[in-house]
Every structure is written in structure tokens, then in C-alpha cells.
Amino acid sequence: MAAPFPSDPTATPTRKAVKERLRESKFRTHAFLNNSSNLIFVQDKALRYLYVNREFERALRVDREQVRGKKDPDVFPQERASSFQADNPKVAYLESDSISIGRQHEMQIRKAQERYFRSLR
């Protein structure tokens, strides 16, 4: 069996090798995000949730399938969703990957437990 990427840097990898490397990269990324103690999520341009990690599920007591495709008002109480949405117009129009907007949010997730997190968008 040939190596996925030959030692010759000018050689073109096979489609199969590229797909395998992509699959491995996705697996590593998913494992990294899912094992983080931070609440991590990805939203599309319409601000619908595409992905939430395991800590997001645990902290909010939701299943990722319950959240996928929904917007902030569908997931959070109105006051909290409004706070998040206040930043959304700023975020939606940023084109540069080098710019992020951060804001610290305080949220009581469960009775007698407050959690502070920084939202970078």
C-alpha cells in the first residue's frame, strides 16, 4: 500500500488519501471540541446553531439535536437571548477571520450555580 502522501513534495496525493486525511482531521477537531470544558458552538450566517459541544449539552441540559437549526430565542430565556442577539448584527457583518467580538456573559444554568463565560464571535 502506498503512503497517503509520498515523500516527494511535488507528487499529487490521491483522492482517497485526501479524503482519509480530511476524515482524520474532522475526527481530531471533533474530539478536541467535545472534550473542552468550555461551552463551544457554531452558528451559520442566519444565526442558527450548527454544532454544540458536549459541555454545552451538559451545562444547558439539552441534546445537540434539540439545538441544531434553532436560534438563540429558541434555546435561551428571552432576556438572555436578547443579550446574545445584541451582538449578532456586529458579528454577522464581519468578514475578516482576524476580528472577533468578545463579551462576558453571566448565566445561571442551574439553581445556585452561576457560570461565567466569554463569548468570542
N, C-alpha and C. Protein backbone atom coordinates (compact mmCIF):
# COMPACT_ATOMS: atom_id res chain seq x y z
N MET A 1 0.85 -1.18 0.00
CA MET A 1 0.00 0.00 0.00
C MET A 1 0.88 1.24 0.00
N ALA A 2 0.57 2.17 -0.84
CA ALA A 2 1.35 3.40 -0.95
C ALA A 2 1.03 4.33 0.20
N ALA A 3 2.02 5.11 0.60
CA ALA A 3 1.81 6.09 1.67
C ALA A 3 0.81 7.14 1.20
N PRO A 4 -0.06 7.63 2.10
CA PRO A 4 -1.07 8.61 1.70
C PRO A 4 -0.47 9.85 1.06
N PHE A 5 0.67 10.32 1.57
CA PHE A 5 1.35 11.46 0.99
C PHE A 5 2.80 11.07 0.77
N PRO A 6 3.17 10.88 -0.48
CA PRO A 6 4.53 10.46 -0.78
C PRO A 6 5.55 11.48 -0.27
N SER A 7 6.78 11.01 -0.10
CA SER A 7 7.83 11.90 0.40
C SER A 7 8.20 12.96 -0.64
N ASP A 8 7.83 12.75 -1.89
CA ASP A 8 8.10 13.73 -2.95
C ASP A 8 7.08 14.86 -2.83
N PRO A 9 7.50 16.08 -2.45
CA PRO A 9 6.55 17.17 -2.23
C PRO A 9 5.84 17.62 -3.50
N THR A 10 6.36 17.25 -4.66
CA THR A 10 5.72 17.66 -5.91
C THR A 10 4.66 16.65 -6.35
N ALA A 11 4.61 15.50 -5.70
CA ALA A 11 3.63 14.48 -6.07
C ALA A 11 2.23 14.91 -5.62
N THR A 12 1.25 14.58 -6.39
CA THR A 12 -0.14 14.90 -6.06
C THR A 12 -0.75 13.74 -5.31
N PRO A 13 -1.30 13.98 -4.11
CA PRO A 13 -1.92 12.89 -3.35
C PRO A 13 -3.17 12.38 -4.07
N THR A 14 -3.48 11.14 -3.84
CA THR A 14 -4.67 10.57 -4.45
C THR A 14 -5.91 11.11 -3.77
N ARG A 15 -7.03 11.04 -4.45
CA ARG A 15 -8.31 11.48 -3.89
C ARG A 15 -8.62 10.71 -2.61
N LYS A 16 -8.33 9.42 -2.63
CA LYS A 16 -8.59 8.58 -1.47
C LYS A 16 -7.75 9.04 -0.27
N ALA A 17 -6.49 9.36 -0.53
CA ALA A 17 -5.60 9.82 0.55
C ALA A 17 -6.08 11.15 1.13
N VAL A 18 -6.52 12.03 0.26
CA VAL A 18 -7.01 13.34 0.72
C VAL A 18 -8.26 13.15 1.57
N LYS A 19 -9.18 12.30 1.13
CA LYS A 19 -10.40 12.04 1.89
C LYS A 19 -10.08 11.44 3.26
N GLU A 20 -9.11 10.55 3.31
CA GLU A 20 -8.73 9.94 4.58
C GLU A 20 -8.14 10.98 5.53
N ARG A 21 -7.29 11.85 5.02
CA ARG A 21 -6.70 12.91 5.85
C ARG A 21 -7.78 13.87 6.36
N LEU A 22 -8.74 14.18 5.50
CA LEU A 22 -9.84 15.05 5.91
C LEU A 22 -10.67 14.38 7.00
N ARG A 23 -10.95 13.10 6.85
CA ARG A 23 -11.71 12.36 7.85
C ARG A 23 -10.98 12.37 9.18
N GLU A 24 -9.67 12.14 9.16
CA GLU A 24 -8.87 12.15 10.39
C GLU A 24 -8.86 13.54 11.03
N SER A 25 -8.76 14.57 10.20
CA SER A 25 -8.75 15.93 10.72
C SER A 25 -10.09 16.28 11.38
N LYS A 26 -11.19 15.89 10.75
CA LYS A 26 -12.51 16.12 11.34
C LYS A 26 -12.66 15.39 12.66
N PHE A 27 -12.16 14.17 12.72
CA PHE A 27 -12.23 13.38 13.94
C PHE A 27 -11.46 14.06 15.07
N ARG A 28 -10.25 14.52 14.80
CA ARG A 28 -9.43 15.20 15.82
C ARG A 28 -10.10 16.49 16.28
N THR A 29 -10.62 17.26 15.34
CA THR A 29 -11.28 18.52 15.69
C THR A 29 -12.50 18.26 16.56
N HIS A 30 -13.31 17.29 16.17
CA HIS A 30 -14.50 16.95 16.95
C HIS A 30 -14.10 16.49 18.36
N ALA A 31 -13.07 15.66 18.46
CA ALA A 31 -12.62 15.18 19.77
C ALA A 31 -12.13 16.35 20.63
N PHE A 32 -11.40 17.27 20.04
CA PHE A 32 -10.88 18.42 20.76
C PHE A 32 -12.03 19.29 21.28
N LEU A 33 -12.98 19.61 20.42
CA LEU A 33 -14.10 20.46 20.81
C LEU A 33 -14.98 19.78 21.85
N ASN A 34 -15.21 18.50 21.68
CA ASN A 34 -16.10 17.77 22.58
C ASN A 34 -15.50 17.54 23.96
N ASN A 35 -14.20 17.58 24.08
CA ASN A 35 -13.57 17.34 25.37
C ASN A 35 -13.12 18.61 26.06
N SER A 36 -13.52 19.75 25.54
CA SER A 36 -13.21 21.02 26.15
C SER A 36 -14.19 21.28 27.30
N SER A 37 -13.72 21.97 28.32
CA SER A 37 -14.60 22.34 29.43
C SER A 37 -15.34 23.65 29.13
N ASN A 38 -15.08 24.23 27.96
CA ASN A 38 -15.77 25.45 27.53
C ASN A 38 -17.03 25.10 26.75
N LEU A 39 -18.02 25.96 26.85
CA LEU A 39 -19.20 25.80 26.02
C LEU A 39 -18.84 26.31 24.63
N ILE A 40 -18.89 25.42 23.65
CA ILE A 40 -18.50 25.78 22.29
C ILE A 40 -19.66 25.53 21.35
N PHE A 41 -19.90 26.49 20.48
CA PHE A 41 -20.97 26.32 19.50
C PHE A 41 -20.56 26.98 18.19
N VAL A 42 -21.22 26.57 17.13
CA VAL A 42 -21.02 27.15 15.81
C VAL A 42 -22.40 27.51 15.27
N GLN A 43 -22.51 28.73 14.76
CA GLN A 43 -23.76 29.18 14.16
C GLN A 43 -23.51 29.56 12.70
N ASP A 44 -24.55 29.41 11.88
CA ASP A 44 -24.42 29.81 10.49
C ASP A 44 -24.71 31.31 10.36
N LYS A 45 -24.71 31.84 9.14
CA LYS A 45 -24.92 33.28 8.94
C LYS A 45 -26.32 33.73 9.36
N ALA A 46 -27.27 32.80 9.35
CA ALA A 46 -28.62 33.12 9.81
C ALA A 46 -28.74 32.96 11.32
N LEU A 47 -27.61 32.67 11.99
CA LEU A 47 -27.50 32.55 13.44
C LEU A 47 -28.26 31.34 14.00
N ARG A 48 -28.36 30.31 13.19
CA ARG A 48 -28.91 29.02 13.65
C ARG A 48 -27.74 28.18 14.13
N TYR A 49 -27.97 27.42 15.18
CA TYR A 49 -26.92 26.56 15.71
C TYR A 49 -26.67 25.39 14.77
N LEU A 50 -25.41 25.22 14.42
CA LEU A 50 -25.00 24.09 13.59
C LEU A 50 -24.35 23.01 14.44
N TYR A 51 -23.66 23.44 15.50
CA TYR A 51 -22.92 22.49 16.33
C TYR A 51 -22.85 23.03 17.75
N VAL A 52 -23.01 22.16 18.72
CA VAL A 52 -22.71 22.48 20.11
C VAL A 52 -21.91 21.31 20.68
N ASN A 53 -20.99 21.63 21.56
CA ASN A 53 -20.15 20.56 22.10
C ASN A 53 -20.81 19.90 23.32
N ARG A 54 -20.16 18.89 23.83
CA ARG A 54 -20.69 18.10 24.95
C ARG A 54 -20.90 18.95 26.19
N GLU A 55 -19.99 19.89 26.45
CA GLU A 55 -20.12 20.75 27.64
C GLU A 55 -21.34 21.66 27.51
N PHE A 56 -21.62 22.15 26.33
CA PHE A 56 -22.83 22.94 26.08
C PHE A 56 -24.05 22.09 26.40
N GLU A 57 -24.07 20.86 25.93
CA GLU A 57 -25.18 19.94 26.21
C GLU A 57 -25.34 19.71 27.71
N ARG A 58 -24.21 19.45 28.37
CA ARG A 58 -24.25 19.14 29.80
C ARG A 58 -24.71 20.34 30.62
N ALA A 59 -24.13 21.50 30.36
CA ALA A 59 -24.42 22.70 31.14
C ALA A 59 -25.87 23.16 30.96
N LEU A 60 -26.38 23.05 29.75
CA LEU A 60 -27.74 23.53 29.49
C LEU A 60 -28.77 22.41 29.52
N ARG A 61 -28.30 21.21 29.77
CA ARG A 61 -29.19 20.03 29.82
C ARG A 61 -30.05 19.90 28.56
N VAL A 62 -29.36 19.95 27.44
CA VAL A 62 -30.02 19.78 26.15
C VAL A 62 -29.23 18.75 25.35
N ASP A 63 -29.85 18.24 24.34
CA ASP A 63 -29.19 17.36 23.38
C ASP A 63 -28.89 18.20 22.14
N ARG A 64 -27.76 17.96 21.52
CA ARG A 64 -27.39 18.78 20.36
C ARG A 64 -28.45 18.74 19.27
N GLU A 65 -29.15 17.65 19.16
CA GLU A 65 -30.21 17.58 18.15
C GLU A 65 -31.38 18.49 18.49
N GLN A 66 -31.58 18.78 19.78
CA GLN A 66 -32.62 19.72 20.20
C GLN A 66 -32.27 21.16 19.81
N VAL A 67 -30.98 21.44 19.70
CA VAL A 67 -30.49 22.78 19.46
C VAL A 67 -30.21 23.04 17.98
N ARG A 68 -29.79 22.01 17.26
CA ARG A 68 -29.40 22.17 15.86
C ARG A 68 -30.54 22.80 15.05
N GLY A 69 -30.17 23.86 14.31
CA GLY A 69 -31.13 24.55 13.45
C GLY A 69 -31.94 25.62 14.15
N LYS A 70 -31.77 25.76 15.46
CA LYS A 70 -32.54 26.75 16.21
C LYS A 70 -31.71 28.01 16.43
N LYS A 71 -32.41 29.10 16.78
CA LYS A 71 -31.77 30.37 17.08
C LYS A 71 -31.79 30.61 18.58
N ASP A 72 -31.09 31.64 19.03
CA ASP A 72 -30.98 31.93 20.46
C ASP A 72 -32.33 31.96 21.19
N PRO A 73 -33.37 32.64 20.66
CA PRO A 73 -34.65 32.69 21.38
C PRO A 73 -35.31 31.32 21.54
N ASP A 74 -34.93 30.37 20.71
CA ASP A 74 -35.49 29.02 20.81
C ASP A 74 -34.77 28.18 21.87
N VAL A 75 -33.60 28.65 22.29
CA VAL A 75 -32.75 27.88 23.20
C VAL A 75 -32.69 28.50 24.59
N PHE A 76 -32.67 29.84 24.66
CA PHE A 76 -32.47 30.55 25.92
C PHE A 76 -33.71 31.35 26.31
N PRO A 77 -33.83 31.69 27.61
CA PRO A 77 -34.90 32.60 28.04
C PRO A 77 -34.77 33.93 27.28
N GLN A 78 -35.87 34.62 27.12
CA GLN A 78 -35.92 35.83 26.29
C GLN A 78 -34.86 36.86 26.68
N GLU A 79 -34.71 37.12 27.98
CA GLU A 79 -33.73 38.12 28.43
C GLU A 79 -32.31 37.75 27.99
N ARG A 80 -31.96 36.49 28.16
CA ARG A 80 -30.63 36.02 27.78
C ARG A 80 -30.46 36.05 26.26
N ALA A 81 -31.46 35.59 25.54
CA ALA A 81 -31.40 35.58 24.08
C ALA A 81 -31.24 37.00 23.54
N SER A 82 -31.94 37.95 24.14
CA SER A 82 -31.84 39.36 23.72
C SER A 82 -30.43 39.88 23.92
N SER A 83 -29.81 39.48 25.04
CA SER A 83 -28.43 39.89 25.31
C SER A 83 -27.49 39.34 24.24
N PHE A 84 -27.65 38.09 23.89
CA PHE A 84 -26.82 37.49 22.85
C PHE A 84 -27.08 38.15 21.50
N GLN A 85 -28.35 38.38 21.21
CA GLN A 85 -28.71 38.93 19.92
C GLN A 85 -28.24 40.37 19.73
N ALA A 86 -27.99 41.07 20.82
CA ALA A 86 -27.49 42.44 20.71
C ALA A 86 -26.15 42.47 20.00
N ASP A 87 -25.35 41.40 20.15
CA ASP A 87 -24.06 41.33 19.49
C ASP A 87 -24.15 40.79 18.07
N ASN A 88 -25.21 40.11 17.74
CA ASN A 88 -25.29 39.42 16.46
C ASN A 88 -25.15 40.30 15.23
N PRO A 89 -25.77 41.49 15.16
CA PRO A 89 -25.58 42.30 13.95
C PRO A 89 -24.12 42.68 13.72
N LYS A 90 -23.38 42.91 14.80
CA LYS A 90 -21.96 43.23 14.68
C LYS A 90 -21.21 42.04 14.11
N VAL A 91 -21.56 40.87 14.59
CA VAL A 91 -20.86 39.66 14.20
C VAL A 91 -21.19 39.26 12.78
N ALA A 92 -22.44 39.37 12.39
CA ALA A 92 -22.89 38.89 11.09
C ALA A 92 -22.20 39.59 9.94
N TYR A 93 -21.74 40.82 10.15
CA TYR A 93 -21.17 41.57 9.06
C TYR A 93 -19.64 41.60 9.06
N LEU A 94 -19.03 40.90 9.98
CA LEU A 94 -17.58 40.84 9.98
C LEU A 94 -17.12 39.84 8.94
N GLU A 95 -16.21 40.24 8.11
CA GLU A 95 -15.72 39.35 7.06
C GLU A 95 -14.34 38.80 7.39
N SER A 96 -13.59 39.50 8.20
CA SER A 96 -12.22 39.10 8.49
C SER A 96 -12.17 38.06 9.59
N ASP A 97 -11.39 37.00 9.36
CA ASP A 97 -11.21 35.98 10.38
C ASP A 97 -10.36 36.48 11.54
N SER A 98 -9.69 37.61 11.35
CA SER A 98 -8.80 38.10 12.39
C SER A 98 -9.53 38.97 13.41
N ILE A 99 -10.80 39.23 13.20
CA ILE A 99 -11.56 40.07 14.13
C ILE A 99 -12.54 39.19 14.89
N SER A 100 -12.59 39.37 16.17
CA SER A 100 -13.62 38.69 16.96
C SER A 100 -14.16 39.67 17.98
N ILE A 101 -15.39 39.47 18.34
CA ILE A 101 -16.02 40.32 19.35
C ILE A 101 -16.19 39.46 20.59
N GLY A 102 -15.72 39.94 21.70
CA GLY A 102 -15.85 39.19 22.93
C GLY A 102 -16.73 39.93 23.92
N ARG A 103 -17.47 39.18 24.66
CA ARG A 103 -18.32 39.76 25.69
C ARG A 103 -18.50 38.72 26.78
N GLN A 104 -18.40 39.15 28.01
CA GLN A 104 -18.61 38.21 29.11
C GLN A 104 -20.08 38.16 29.43
N HIS A 105 -20.59 36.94 29.51
CA HIS A 105 -22.00 36.74 29.84
C HIS A 105 -22.08 36.00 31.17
N GLU A 106 -23.02 36.41 32.00
CA GLU A 106 -23.28 35.71 33.25
C GLU A 106 -24.61 35.00 33.08
N MET A 107 -24.62 33.74 33.44
CA MET A 107 -25.85 32.99 33.27
C MET A 107 -25.99 31.98 34.39
N GLN A 108 -27.14 31.96 35.00
CA GLN A 108 -27.41 30.93 35.98
C GLN A 108 -27.93 29.72 35.22
N ILE A 109 -27.16 28.68 35.21
CA ILE A 109 -27.51 27.50 34.45
C ILE A 109 -28.42 26.59 35.27
N ARG A 110 -28.07 26.41 36.49
CA ARG A 110 -28.90 25.60 37.40
C ARG A 110 -29.05 26.40 38.69
N LYS A 111 -30.04 26.07 39.48
CA LYS A 111 -30.24 26.77 40.74
C LYS A 111 -28.95 26.74 41.55
N ALA A 112 -28.62 27.88 42.11
CA ALA A 112 -27.44 28.03 42.98
C ALA A 112 -26.12 27.82 42.25
N GLN A 113 -26.14 27.84 40.94
CA GLN A 113 -24.87 27.70 40.21
C GLN A 113 -24.84 28.74 39.11
N GLU A 114 -23.88 29.64 39.20
CA GLU A 114 -23.71 30.62 38.13
C GLU A 114 -22.46 30.26 37.37
N ARG A 115 -22.49 30.54 36.12
CA ARG A 115 -21.36 30.23 35.27
C ARG A 115 -21.05 31.48 34.45
N TYR A 116 -19.80 31.83 34.37
CA TYR A 116 -19.37 32.99 33.61
C TYR A 116 -18.61 32.49 32.40
N PHE A 117 -18.91 33.05 31.26
CA PHE A 117 -18.17 32.65 30.09
C PHE A 117 -18.00 33.83 29.16
N ARG A 118 -16.96 33.76 28.37
CA ARG A 118 -16.66 34.79 27.40
C ARG A 118 -17.04 34.27 26.04
N SER A 119 -17.84 35.04 25.37
CA SER A 119 -18.30 34.66 24.04
C SER A 119 -17.44 35.36 23.01
N LEU A 120 -16.69 34.60 22.24
CA LEU A 120 -15.88 35.18 21.16
C LEU A 120 -16.56 34.82 19.87
N ARG A 121 -16.82 35.82 19.08
CA ARG A 121 -17.53 35.58 17.81
C ARG A 121 -16.72 36.13 16.68
